[in-house]
All heavy atoms as atom14 arrays in JSON, in Angstrom:
{
  "sequence": "RAFNYYSIVWLRQAPGKEREGISCITDDGTKTYYRNAVKGRFTISRDL",
  "atom14_mask": [
    [1, 1, 1, 1, 1, 1, 1, 1, 1, 1, 1, 0, 0, 0],
    [1, 1, 1, 1, 1, 0, 0, 0, 0, 0, 0, 0, 0, 0],
    [1, 1, 1, 1, 1, 1, 1, 1, 1, 1, 1, 0, 0, 0],
    [1, 1, 1, 1, 1, 1, 1, 1, 0, 0, 0, 0, 0, 0],
    [1, 1, 1, 1, 1, 1, 1, 1, 1, 1, 1, 1, 0, 0],
    [1, 1, 1, 1, 1, 1, 1, 1, 1, 1, 1, 1, 0, 0],
    [1, 1, 1, 1, 1, 1, 0, 0, 0, 0, 0, 0, 0, 0],
    [1, 1, 1, 1, 1, 1, 1, 1, 0, 0, 0, 0, 0, 0],
    [1, 1, 1, 1, 1, 1, 1, 0, 0, 0, 0, 0, 0, 0],
    [1, 1, 1, 1, 1, 1, 1, 1, 1, 1, 1, 1, 1, 1],
    [1, 1, 1, 1, 1, 1, 1, 1, 0, 0, 0, 0, 0, 0],
    [1, 1, 1, 1, 1, 1, 1, 1, 1, 1, 1, 0, 0, 0],
    [1, 1, 1, 1, 1, 1, 1, 1, 1, 0, 0, 0, 0, 0],
    [1, 1, 1, 1, 1, 0, 0, 0, 0, 0, 0, 0, 0, 0],
    [1, 1, 1, 1, 1, 1, 1, 0, 0, 0, 0, 0, 0, 0],
    [1, 1, 1, 1, 0, 0, 0, 0, 0, 0, 0, 0, 0, 0],
    [1, 1, 1, 1, 1, 1, 1, 1, 1, 0, 0, 0, 0, 0],
    [1, 1, 1, 1, 1, 1, 1, 1, 1, 0, 0, 0, 0, 0],
    [1, 1, 1, 1, 1, 1, 1, 1, 1, 1, 1, 0, 0, 0],
    [1, 1, 1, 1, 1, 1, 1, 1, 1, 0, 0, 0, 0, 0],
    [1, 1, 1, 1, 0, 0, 0, 0, 0, 0, 0, 0, 0, 0],
    [1, 1, 1, 1, 1, 1, 1, 1, 0, 0, 0, 0, 0, 0],
    [1, 1, 1, 1, 1, 1, 0, 0, 0, 0, 0, 0, 0, 0],
    [1, 1, 1, 1, 1, 1, 0, 0, 0, 0, 0, 0, 0, 0],
    [1, 1, 1, 1, 1, 1, 1, 1, 0, 0, 0, 0, 0, 0],
    [1, 1, 1, 1, 1, 1, 1, 0, 0, 0, 0, 0, 0, 0],
    [1, 1, 1, 1, 1, 1, 1, 1, 0, 0, 0, 0, 0, 0],
    [1, 1, 1, 1, 1, 1, 1, 1, 0, 0, 0, 0, 0, 0],
    [1, 1, 1, 1, 0, 0, 0, 0, 0, 0, 0, 0, 0, 0],
    [1, 1, 1, 1, 1, 1, 1, 0, 0, 0, 0, 0, 0, 0],
    [1, 1, 1, 1, 1, 1, 1, 1, 1, 0, 0, 0, 0, 0],
    [1, 1, 1, 1, 1, 1, 1, 0, 0, 0, 0, 0, 0, 0],
    [1, 1, 1, 1, 1, 1, 1, 1, 1, 1, 1, 1, 0, 0],
    [1, 1, 1, 1, 1, 1, 1, 1, 1, 1, 1, 1, 0, 0],
    [1, 1, 1, 1, 1, 1, 1, 1, 1, 1, 1, 0, 0, 0],
    [1, 1, 1, 1, 1, 1, 1, 1, 0, 0, 0, 0, 0, 0],
    [1, 1, 1, 1, 1, 0, 0, 0, 0, 0, 0, 0, 0, 0],
    [1, 1, 1, 1, 1, 1, 1, 0, 0, 0, 0, 0, 0, 0],
    [1, 1, 1, 1, 1, 1, 1, 1, 1, 0, 0, 0, 0, 0],
    [1, 1, 1, 1, 0, 0, 0, 0, 0, 0, 0, 0, 0, 0],
    [1, 1, 1, 1, 1, 1, 1, 1, 1, 1, 1, 0, 0, 0],
    [1, 1, 1, 1, 1, 1, 1, 1, 1, 1, 1, 0, 0, 0],
    [1, 1, 1, 1, 1, 1, 1, 0, 0, 0, 0, 0, 0, 0],
    [1, 1, 1, 1, 1, 1, 1, 1, 0, 0, 0, 0, 0, 0],
    [1, 1, 1, 1, 1, 1, 0, 0, 0, 0, 0, 0, 0, 0],
    [1, 1, 1, 1, 1, 1, 1, 1, 1, 1, 1, 0, 0, 0],
    [1, 1, 1, 1, 1, 1, 1, 1, 0, 0, 0, 0, 0, 0],
    [1, 1, 1, 1, 1, 1, 1, 1, 0, 0, 0, 0, 0, 0]
  ],
  "atom14_positions": [
    [[-182.13, 134.23, -68.24], [-182.93, 133.93, -67.07], [-182.27, 134.34, -65.77], [-182.89, 134.35, -64.73], [-183.23, 132.43, -67.04], [-184.05, 131.97, -68.23], [-184.3, 130.48, -68.16], [-185.05, 130.12, -66.96], [-185.3, 128.87, -66.6], [-184.85, 127.88, -67.33], [-185.99, 128.61, -65.51], [0.0, 0.0, 0.0], [0.0, 0.0, 0.0], [0.0, 0.0, 0.0]],
    [[-181.0, 134.68, -65.79], [-180.27, 134.92, -64.55], [-180.93, 136.0, -63.69], [-181.06, 135.84, -62.48], [-178.83, 135.31, -64.85], [0.0, 0.0, 0.0], [0.0, 0.0, 0.0], [0.0, 0.0, 0.0], [0.0, 0.0, 0.0], [0.0, 0.0, 0.0], [0.0, 0.0, 0.0], [0.0, 0.0, 0.0], [0.0, 0.0, 0.0], [0.0, 0.0, 0.0]],
    [[-181.38, 137.06, -64.32], [-181.98, 138.18, -63.57], [-183.16, 137.7, -62.74], [-183.38, 138.16, -61.62], [-182.41, 139.27, -64.56], [-183.05, 140.46, -63.93], [-182.28, 141.42, -63.3], [-184.43, 140.63, -63.97], [-182.87, 142.54, -62.72], [-185.03, 141.75, -63.39], [-184.25, 142.7, -62.78], [0.0, 0.0, 0.0], [0.0, 0.0, 0.0], [0.0, 0.0, 0.0]],
    [[-183.91, 136.76, -63.28], [-185.12, 136.31, -62.61], [-184.86, 135.28, -61.52], [-185.8, 134.69, -60.99], [-186.11, 135.78, -63.65], [-186.62, 136.88, -64.57], [-186.66, 138.05, -64.19], [-186.99, 136.51, -65.79], [0.0, 0.0, 0.0], [0.0, 0.0, 0.0], [0.0, 0.0, 0.0], [0.0, 0.0, 0.0], [0.0, 0.0, 0.0], [0.0, 0.0, 0.0]],
    [[-183.61, 135.08, -61.17], [-183.27, 134.24, -60.03], [-183.02, 135.06, -58.77], [-182.75, 134.51, -57.71], [-182.01, 133.42, -60.31], [-182.17, 132.36, -61.36], [-181.11, 132.01, -62.2], [-183.37, 131.69, -61.53], [-181.24, 131.03, -63.16], [-183.52, 130.71, -62.5], [-182.44, 130.38, -63.31], [-182.58, 129.42, -64.27], [0.0, 0.0, 0.0], [0.0, 0.0, 0.0]],
    [[-183.14, 136.38, -58.91], [-182.76, 137.27, -57.82], [-183.93, 138.09, -57.3], [-184.76, 138.57, -58.08], [-181.68, 138.26, -58.28], [-180.36, 137.61, -58.57], [-180.09, 137.08, -59.83], [-179.38, 137.52, -57.6], [-178.87, 136.47, -60.1], [-178.16, 136.92, -57.86], [-177.92, 136.4, -59.11], [-176.72, 135.8, -59.37], [0.0, 0.0, 0.0], [0.0, 0.0, 0.0]],
    [[-183.96, 138.26, -55.99], [-184.8, 139.31, -55.42], [-184.18, 140.65, -55.81], [-182.96, 140.77, -55.89], [-184.83, 139.24, -53.89], [-185.54, 138.14, -53.43], [0.0, 0.0, 0.0], [0.0, 0.0, 0.0], [0.0, 0.0, 0.0], [0.0, 0.0, 0.0], [0.0, 0.0, 0.0], [0.0, 0.0, 0.0], [0.0, 0.0, 0.0], [0.0, 0.0, 0.0]],
    [[-185.03, 141.64, -56.0], [-184.56, 142.98, -56.31], [-185.02, 143.93, -55.22], [-186.18, 143.91, -54.8], [-185.08, 143.45, -57.68], [-184.59, 142.53, -58.8], [-184.64, 144.91, -57.94], [-183.08, 142.49, -58.97], [0.0, 0.0, 0.0], [0.0, 0.0, 0.0], [0.0, 0.0, 0.0], [0.0, 0.0, 0.0], [0.0, 0.0, 0.0], [0.0, 0.0, 0.0]],
    [[-184.1, 144.75, -54.79], [-184.37, 145.74, -53.75], [-184.15, 147.13, -54.32], [-183.17, 147.35, -55.04], [-183.44, 145.53, -52.54], [-183.75, 146.53, -51.44], [-183.56, 144.11, -52.01], [0.0, 0.0, 0.0], [0.0, 0.0, 0.0], [0.0, 0.0, 0.0], [0.0, 0.0, 0.0], [0.0, 0.0, 0.0], [0.0, 0.0, 0.0], [0.0, 0.0, 0.0]],
    [[-185.05, 148.02, -54.02], [-184.84, 149.45, -54.31], [-184.35, 150.12, -53.04], [-184.95, 149.97, -51.96], [-186.11, 150.12, -54.79], [-186.46, 149.83, -56.21], [-187.39, 148.96, -56.67], [-185.88, 150.45, -57.36], [-187.43, 148.98, -58.04], [-186.51, 149.9, -58.49], [-184.9, 151.43, -57.56], [-186.19, 150.26, -59.81], [-184.58, 151.8, -58.86], [-185.22, 151.22, -59.96]],
    [[-183.25, 150.82, -53.14], [-182.69, 151.6, -52.05], [-182.55, 153.03, -52.52], [-182.51, 153.31, -53.72], [-181.33, 151.05, -51.63], [-181.27, 149.56, -51.28], [-180.76, 148.75, -52.46], [-180.39, 149.32, -50.06], [0.0, 0.0, 0.0], [0.0, 0.0, 0.0], [0.0, 0.0, 0.0], [0.0, 0.0, 0.0], [0.0, 0.0, 0.0], [0.0, 0.0, 0.0]],
    [[-182.41, 153.92, -51.56], [-182.16, 155.31, -51.92], [-181.21, 155.94, -50.92], [-181.11, 155.5, -49.77], [-183.48, 156.11, -51.98], [-184.18, 156.28, -50.63], [-185.52, 156.97, -50.84], [-186.2, 157.19, -49.56], [-187.43, 157.66, -49.46], [-188.14, 157.96, -50.55], [-187.98, 157.83, -48.26], [0.0, 0.0, 0.0], [0.0, 0.0, 0.0], [0.0, 0.0, 0.0]],
    [[-180.54, 156.97, -51.38], [-179.64, 157.7, -50.51], [-179.84, 159.18, -50.75], [-179.56, 159.69, -51.84], [-178.19, 157.32, -50.75], [-177.24, 157.94, -49.74], [-175.89, 157.27, -49.72], [-175.5, 156.59, -50.66], [-175.17, 157.46, -48.63], [0.0, 0.0, 0.0], [0.0, 0.0, 0.0], [0.0, 0.0, 0.0], [0.0, 0.0, 0.0], [0.0, 0.0, 0.0]],
    [[-180.34, 159.85, -49.72], [-180.54, 161.28, -49.77], [-179.25, 161.98, -49.33], [-178.44, 161.38, -48.61], [-181.7, 161.68, -48.86], [0.0, 0.0, 0.0], [0.0, 0.0, 0.0], [0.0, 0.0, 0.0], [0.0, 0.0, 0.0], [0.0, 0.0, 0.0], [0.0, 0.0, 0.0], [0.0, 0.0, 0.0], [0.0, 0.0, 0.0], [0.0, 0.0, 0.0]],
    [[-179.06, 163.22, -49.73], [-177.85, 163.95, -49.34], [-177.67, 163.97, -47.83], [-178.59, 164.31, -47.08], [-178.11, 165.36, -49.88], [-179.06, 165.16, -51.0], [-179.94, 164.01, -50.6], [0.0, 0.0, 0.0], [0.0, 0.0, 0.0], [0.0, 0.0, 0.0], [0.0, 0.0, 0.0], [0.0, 0.0, 0.0], [0.0, 0.0, 0.0], [0.0, 0.0, 0.0]],
    [[-176.49, 163.57, -47.38], [-176.18, 163.6, -45.96], [-176.82, 162.5, -45.14], [-176.73, 162.51, -43.91], [0.0, 0.0, 0.0], [0.0, 0.0, 0.0], [0.0, 0.0, 0.0], [0.0, 0.0, 0.0], [0.0, 0.0, 0.0], [0.0, 0.0, 0.0], [0.0, 0.0, 0.0], [0.0, 0.0, 0.0], [0.0, 0.0, 0.0], [0.0, 0.0, 0.0]],
    [[-177.45, 161.54, -45.8], [-178.12, 160.47, -45.07], [-177.57, 159.11, -45.48], [-176.95, 158.96, -46.54], [-179.63, 160.52, -45.3], [-180.3, 161.76, -44.72], [-181.81, 161.65, -44.79], [-182.48, 162.83, -44.14], [-183.97, 162.73, -44.18], [0.0, 0.0, 0.0], [0.0, 0.0, 0.0], [0.0, 0.0, 0.0], [0.0, 0.0, 0.0], [0.0, 0.0, 0.0]],
    [[-177.84, 158.12, -44.65], [-177.45, 156.76, -44.96], [-178.35, 156.19, -46.05], [-179.51, 156.58, -46.2], [-177.56, 155.88, -43.71], [-176.63, 156.28, -42.58], [-175.19, 155.94, -42.9], [-174.96, 154.86, -43.46], [-174.31, 156.77, -42.6], [0.0, 0.0, 0.0], [0.0, 0.0, 0.0], [0.0, 0.0, 0.0], [0.0, 0.0, 0.0], [0.0, 0.0, 0.0]],
    [[-177.81, 155.24, -46.78], [-178.61, 154.54, -47.77], [-179.66, 153.7, -47.06], [-179.36, 153.04, -46.06], [-177.71, 153.67, -48.64], [-178.41, 153.05, -49.82], [-177.42, 152.3, -50.68], [-176.45, 153.19, -51.29], [-175.39, 152.78, -51.98], [-175.15, 151.47, -52.11], [-174.55, 153.65, -52.5], [0.0, 0.0, 0.0], [0.0, 0.0, 0.0], [0.0, 0.0, 0.0]],
    [[-180.89, 153.69, -47.57], [-181.97, 152.93, -46.95], [-182.71, 152.1, -47.99], [-182.99, 152.57, -49.1], [-182.96, 153.86, -46.24], [-183.65, 154.86, -47.14], [-184.77, 155.62, -46.45], [-185.2, 155.2, -45.36], [-185.23, 156.62, -47.03], [0.0, 0.0, 0.0], [0.0, 0.0, 0.0], [0.0, 0.0, 0.0], [0.0, 0.0, 0.0], [0.0, 0.0, 0.0]],
    [[-183.02, 150.88, -47.63], [-183.87, 150.06, -48.47], [-185.3, 150.5, -48.31], [-185.75, 150.78, -47.2], [0.0, 0.0, 0.0], [0.0, 0.0, 0.0], [0.0, 0.0, 0.0], [0.0, 0.0, 0.0], [0.0, 0.0, 0.0], [0.0, 0.0, 0.0], [0.0, 0.0, 0.0], [0.0, 0.0, 0.0], [0.0, 0.0, 0.0], [0.0, 0.0, 0.0]],
    [[-186.04, 150.59, -49.42], [-187.41, 151.09, -49.32], [-188.45, 150.1, -49.82], [-189.6, 150.11, -49.36], [-187.58, 152.43, -50.05], [-187.14, 152.31, -51.52], [-186.83, 153.54, -49.33], [-187.48, 153.53, -52.36], [0.0, 0.0, 0.0], [0.0, 0.0, 0.0], [0.0, 0.0, 0.0], [0.0, 0.0, 0.0], [0.0, 0.0, 0.0], [0.0, 0.0, 0.0]],
    [[-188.07, 149.24, -50.73], [-189.03, 148.28, -51.25], [-188.28, 147.14, -51.91], [-187.15, 147.32, -52.4], [-189.97, 148.94, -52.26], [-190.96, 148.04, -52.69], [0.0, 0.0, 0.0], [0.0, 0.0, 0.0], [0.0, 0.0, 0.0], [0.0, 0.0, 0.0], [0.0, 0.0, 0.0], [0.0, 0.0, 0.0], [0.0, 0.0, 0.0], [0.0, 0.0, 0.0]],
    [[-188.89, 145.95, -51.91], [-188.24, 144.81, -52.55], [-189.27, 143.81, -53.02], [-190.44, 143.85, -52.61], [-187.23, 144.17, -51.61], [-187.82, 143.78, -49.96], [0.0, 0.0, 0.0], [0.0, 0.0, 0.0], [0.0, 0.0, 0.0], [0.0, 0.0, 0.0], [0.0, 0.0, 0.0], [0.0, 0.0, 0.0], [0.0, 0.0, 0.0], [0.0, 0.0, 0.0]],
    [[-188.81, 142.93, -53.89], [-189.69, 141.95, -54.5], [-188.89, 140.67, -54.71], [-187.69, 140.7, -55.02], [-190.26, 142.5, -55.83], [-191.36, 141.61, -56.39], [-189.15, 142.71, -56.87], [-192.18, 142.27, -57.5], [0.0, 0.0, 0.0], [0.0, 0.0, 0.0], [0.0, 0.0, 0.0], [0.0, 0.0, 0.0], [0.0, 0.0, 0.0], [0.0, 0.0, 0.0]],
    [[-189.56, 139.54, -54.53], [-188.88, 138.26, -54.67], [-188.62, 137.92, -56.14], [-189.14, 138.58, -57.05], [-189.71, 137.15, -54.04], [-191.07, 137.24, -54.51], [-189.71, 137.26, -52.53], [0.0, 0.0, 0.0], [0.0, 0.0, 0.0], [0.0, 0.0, 0.0], [0.0, 0.0, 0.0], [0.0, 0.0, 0.0], [0.0, 0.0, 0.0], [0.0, 0.0, 0.0]],
    [[-187.84, 136.88, -56.34], [-187.44, 136.51, -57.71], [-188.65, 136.2, -58.59], [-188.65, 136.53, -59.79], [-186.46, 135.35, -57.68], [-186.98, 134.12, -56.95], [-188.07, 134.22, -56.34], [-186.29, 133.08, -56.95], [0.0, 0.0, 0.0], [0.0, 0.0, 0.0], [0.0, 0.0, 0.0], [0.0, 0.0, 0.0], [0.0, 0.0, 0.0], [0.0, 0.0, 0.0]],
    [[-189.67, 135.58, -58.02], [-190.84, 135.23, -58.82], [-191.93, 136.29, -58.78], [-192.99, 136.13, -59.39], [-191.41, 133.88, -58.39], [-191.84, 133.87, -56.93], [-191.74, 134.91, -56.26], [-192.26, 132.81, -56.46], [0.0, 0.0, 0.0], [0.0, 0.0, 0.0], [0.0, 0.0, 0.0], [0.0, 0.0, 0.0], [0.0, 0.0, 0.0], [0.0, 0.0, 0.0]],
    [[-191.69, 137.36, -58.05], [-192.63, 138.47, -58.0], [-193.84, 138.25, -57.12], [-194.76, 139.08, -57.11], [0.0, 0.0, 0.0], [0.0, 0.0, 0.0], [0.0, 0.0, 0.0], [0.0, 0.0, 0.0], [0.0, 0.0, 0.0], [0.0, 0.0, 0.0], [0.0, 0.0, 0.0], [0.0, 0.0, 0.0], [0.0, 0.0, 0.0], [0.0, 0.0, 0.0]],
    [[-193.84, 137.18, -56.35], [-195.04, 136.87, -55.56], [-195.08, 137.58, -54.21], [-196.14, 137.69, -53.6], [-195.15, 135.36, -55.32], [-193.99, 134.9, -54.64], [-195.31, 134.61, -56.65], [0.0, 0.0, 0.0], [0.0, 0.0, 0.0], [0.0, 0.0, 0.0], [0.0, 0.0, 0.0], [0.0, 0.0, 0.0], [0.0, 0.0, 0.0], [0.0, 0.0, 0.0]],
    [[-193.95, 138.02, -53.73], [-193.91, 138.7, -52.44], [-193.22, 140.05, -52.57], [-192.21, 140.18, -53.27], [-193.17, 137.85, -51.41], [-193.89, 136.57, -51.04], [-193.22, 135.89, -49.87], [-191.9, 135.27, -50.27], [-191.27, 134.55, -49.15], [0.0, 0.0, 0.0], [0.0, 0.0, 0.0], [0.0, 0.0, 0.0], [0.0, 0.0, 0.0], [0.0, 0.0, 0.0]],
    [[-193.78, 141.02, -51.88], [-193.22, 142.37, -51.87], [-193.16, 142.89, -50.45], [-193.84, 142.36, -49.55], [-194.04, 143.36, -52.73], [-195.37, 143.42, -52.18], [-194.12, 142.92, -54.17], [0.0, 0.0, 0.0], [0.0, 0.0, 0.0], [0.0, 0.0, 0.0], [0.0, 0.0, 0.0], [0.0, 0.0, 0.0], [0.0, 0.0, 0.0], [0.0, 0.0, 0.0]],
    [[-192.37, 143.92, -50.26], [-192.29, 144.54, -48.94], [-192.02, 146.03, -49.14], [-191.32, 146.42, -50.09], [-191.17, 143.93, -48.1], [-191.15, 144.43, -46.68], [-191.97, 143.85, -45.72], [-190.35, 145.51, -46.31], [-191.99, 144.32, -44.42], [-190.37, 145.98, -45.01], [-191.19, 145.38, -44.07], [-191.2, 145.85, -42.79], [0.0, 0.0, 0.0], [0.0, 0.0, 0.0]],
    [[-192.6, 146.83, -48.25], [-192.42, 148.28, -48.31], [-192.06, 148.8, -46.93], [-192.68, 148.42, -45.92], [-193.7, 148.98, -48.77], [-194.17, 148.56, -50.13], [-195.08, 147.53, -50.29], [-193.7, 149.21, -51.28], [-195.51, 147.12, -51.54], [-194.13, 148.82, -52.54], [-195.03, 147.77, -52.66], [-195.46, 147.39, -53.91], [0.0, 0.0, 0.0], [0.0, 0.0, 0.0]],
    [[-191.12, 149.69, -46.89], [-190.85, 150.4, -45.65], [-191.95, 151.44, -45.4], [-192.59, 151.93, -46.34], [-189.49, 151.08, -45.72], [-188.32, 150.11, -45.78], [-188.08, 149.41, -44.47], [-186.85, 148.66, -44.46], [-185.64, 149.18, -44.17], [-185.52, 150.46, -43.87], [-184.57, 148.41, -44.18], [0.0, 0.0, 0.0], [0.0, 0.0, 0.0], [0.0, 0.0, 0.0]],
    [[-192.1, 151.8, -44.15], [-193.19, 152.72, -43.79], [-193.11, 154.04, -44.56], [-194.14, 154.64, -44.86], [-193.16, 152.99, -42.3], [-193.66, 151.8, -41.49], [-194.36, 150.94, -42.01], [-193.28, 151.75, -40.23], [0.0, 0.0, 0.0], [0.0, 0.0, 0.0], [0.0, 0.0, 0.0], [0.0, 0.0, 0.0], [0.0, 0.0, 0.0], [0.0, 0.0, 0.0]],
    [[-191.89, 154.49, -44.84], [-191.73, 155.8, -45.48], [-192.39, 155.87, -46.85], [-192.73, 156.97, -47.33], [-190.25, 156.13, -45.61], [0.0, 0.0, 0.0], [0.0, 0.0, 0.0], [0.0, 0.0, 0.0], [0.0, 0.0, 0.0], [0.0, 0.0, 0.0], [0.0, 0.0, 0.0], [0.0, 0.0, 0.0], [0.0, 0.0, 0.0], [0.0, 0.0, 0.0]],
    [[-192.58, 154.7, -47.5], [-193.12, 154.72, -48.86], [-194.41, 153.91, -48.98], [-195.05, 153.93, -50.04], [-192.09, 154.19, -49.88], [-190.8, 155.01, -49.79], [-191.82, 152.71, -49.71], [0.0, 0.0, 0.0], [0.0, 0.0, 0.0], [0.0, 0.0, 0.0], [0.0, 0.0, 0.0], [0.0, 0.0, 0.0], [0.0, 0.0, 0.0], [0.0, 0.0, 0.0]],
    [[-194.79, 153.23, -47.94], [-195.97, 152.37, -47.99], [-197.21, 153.19, -48.34], [-197.43, 154.26, -47.78], [-196.15, 151.69, -46.64], [-197.11, 150.53, -46.64], [-197.17, 149.87, -45.28], [-195.88, 149.2, -44.91], [-195.96, 148.5, -43.61], [0.0, 0.0, 0.0], [0.0, 0.0, 0.0], [0.0, 0.0, 0.0], [0.0, 0.0, 0.0], [0.0, 0.0, 0.0]],
    [[-197.97, 152.68, -49.27], [-199.19, 153.36, -49.7], [-198.96, 154.37, -50.81], [-199.92, 154.84, -51.42], [0.0, 0.0, 0.0], [0.0, 0.0, 0.0], [0.0, 0.0, 0.0], [0.0, 0.0, 0.0], [0.0, 0.0, 0.0], [0.0, 0.0, 0.0], [0.0, 0.0, 0.0], [0.0, 0.0, 0.0], [0.0, 0.0, 0.0], [0.0, 0.0, 0.0]],
    [[-197.71, 154.71, -51.09], [-197.41, 155.67, -52.16], [-196.62, 155.03, -53.3], [-196.79, 155.42, -54.46], [-196.58, 156.83, -51.59], [-197.28, 157.61, -50.5], [-196.5, 158.87, -50.11], [-195.18, 158.54, -49.59], [-194.04, 159.02, -50.09], [-194.05, 159.84, -51.12], [-192.87, 158.69, -49.55], [0.0, 0.0, 0.0], [0.0, 0.0, 0.0], [0.0, 0.0, 0.0]],
    [[-195.77, 154.07, -52.98], [-194.94, 153.42, -53.98], [-195.44, 151.99, -54.21], [-195.95, 151.34, -53.28], [-193.49, 153.35, -53.52], [-192.77, 154.67, -53.44], [-193.44, 155.87, -53.57], [-191.4, 154.7, -53.22], [-192.76, 157.08, -53.49], [-190.71, 155.89, -53.13], [-191.39, 157.08, -53.27], [0.0, 0.0, 0.0], [0.0, 0.0, 0.0], [0.0, 0.0, 0.0]],
    [[-195.26, 151.53, -55.44], [-195.64, 150.16, -55.78], [-194.51, 149.52, -56.57], [-194.06, 150.08, -57.59], [-196.92, 150.12, -56.62], [-197.98, 150.76, -55.9], [-197.32, 148.68, -56.92], [0.0, 0.0, 0.0], [0.0, 0.0, 0.0], [0.0, 0.0, 0.0], [0.0, 0.0, 0.0], [0.0, 0.0, 0.0], [0.0, 0.0, 0.0], [0.0, 0.0, 0.0]],
    [[-194.07, 148.36, -56.11], [-193.03, 147.63, -56.82], [-193.68, 146.49, -57.6], [-194.66, 145.88, -57.14], [-191.96, 147.09, -55.83], [-190.74, 146.58, -56.58], [-192.54, 146.03, -54.91], [-189.55, 146.26, -55.66], [0.0, 0.0, 0.0], [0.0, 0.0, 0.0], [0.0, 0.0, 0.0], [0.0, 0.0, 0.0], [0.0, 0.0, 0.0], [0.0, 0.0, 0.0]],
    [[-193.16, 146.24, -58.79], [-193.69, 145.15, -59.6], [-192.57, 144.6, -60.48], [-191.5, 145.21, -60.59], [-194.87, 145.64, -60.47], [-194.44, 146.66, -61.36], [0.0, 0.0, 0.0], [0.0, 0.0, 0.0], [0.0, 0.0, 0.0], [0.0, 0.0, 0.0], [0.0, 0.0, 0.0], [0.0, 0.0, 0.0], [0.0, 0.0, 0.0], [0.0, 0.0, 0.0]],
    [[-192.88, 143.47, -61.08], [-191.84, 142.79, -61.84], [-192.43, 142.21, -63.12], [-193.46, 141.55, -63.08], [-191.26, 141.68, -60.98], [-190.1, 140.94, -61.56], [-189.4, 140.14, -60.49], [-188.05, 139.83, -60.96], [-187.04, 139.63, -60.17], [-187.2, 139.66, -58.86], [-185.85, 139.37, -60.67], [0.0, 0.0, 0.0], [0.0, 0.0, 0.0], [0.0, 0.0, 0.0]],
    [[-191.73, 142.43, -64.21], [-192.11, 141.84, -65.49], [-191.03, 140.82, -65.84], [-189.93, 141.18, -66.28], [-192.21, 142.93, -66.57], [-192.75, 142.4, -67.88], [-192.55, 141.21, -68.18], [-193.37, 143.18, -68.62], [0.0, 0.0, 0.0], [0.0, 0.0, 0.0], [0.0, 0.0, 0.0], [0.0, 0.0, 0.0], [0.0, 0.0, 0.0], [0.0, 0.0, 0.0]],
    [[-191.33, 139.55, -65.6], [-190.32, 138.51, -65.8], [-189.91, 138.41, -67.28], [-188.77, 138.1, -67.58], [-190.85, 137.18, -65.29], [-191.14, 137.12, -63.78], [-191.82, 135.81, -63.42], [-189.87, 137.3, -62.98], [0.0, 0.0, 0.0], [0.0, 0.0, 0.0], [0.0, 0.0, 0.0], [0.0, 0.0, 0.0], [0.0, 0.0, 0.0], [0.0, 0.0, 0.0]]
  ]
}
């Protein structure tokens, strides 16, 4: 069960650029957030 106590964030790092967070989801999967760069194109989900 430990994994499901944590929010999970997806980050990415392109060559020559800083690492950026792009999407995240809460431990229970009820809340999500997207950065503008990926909003409308990426979908985060969680299978507990």
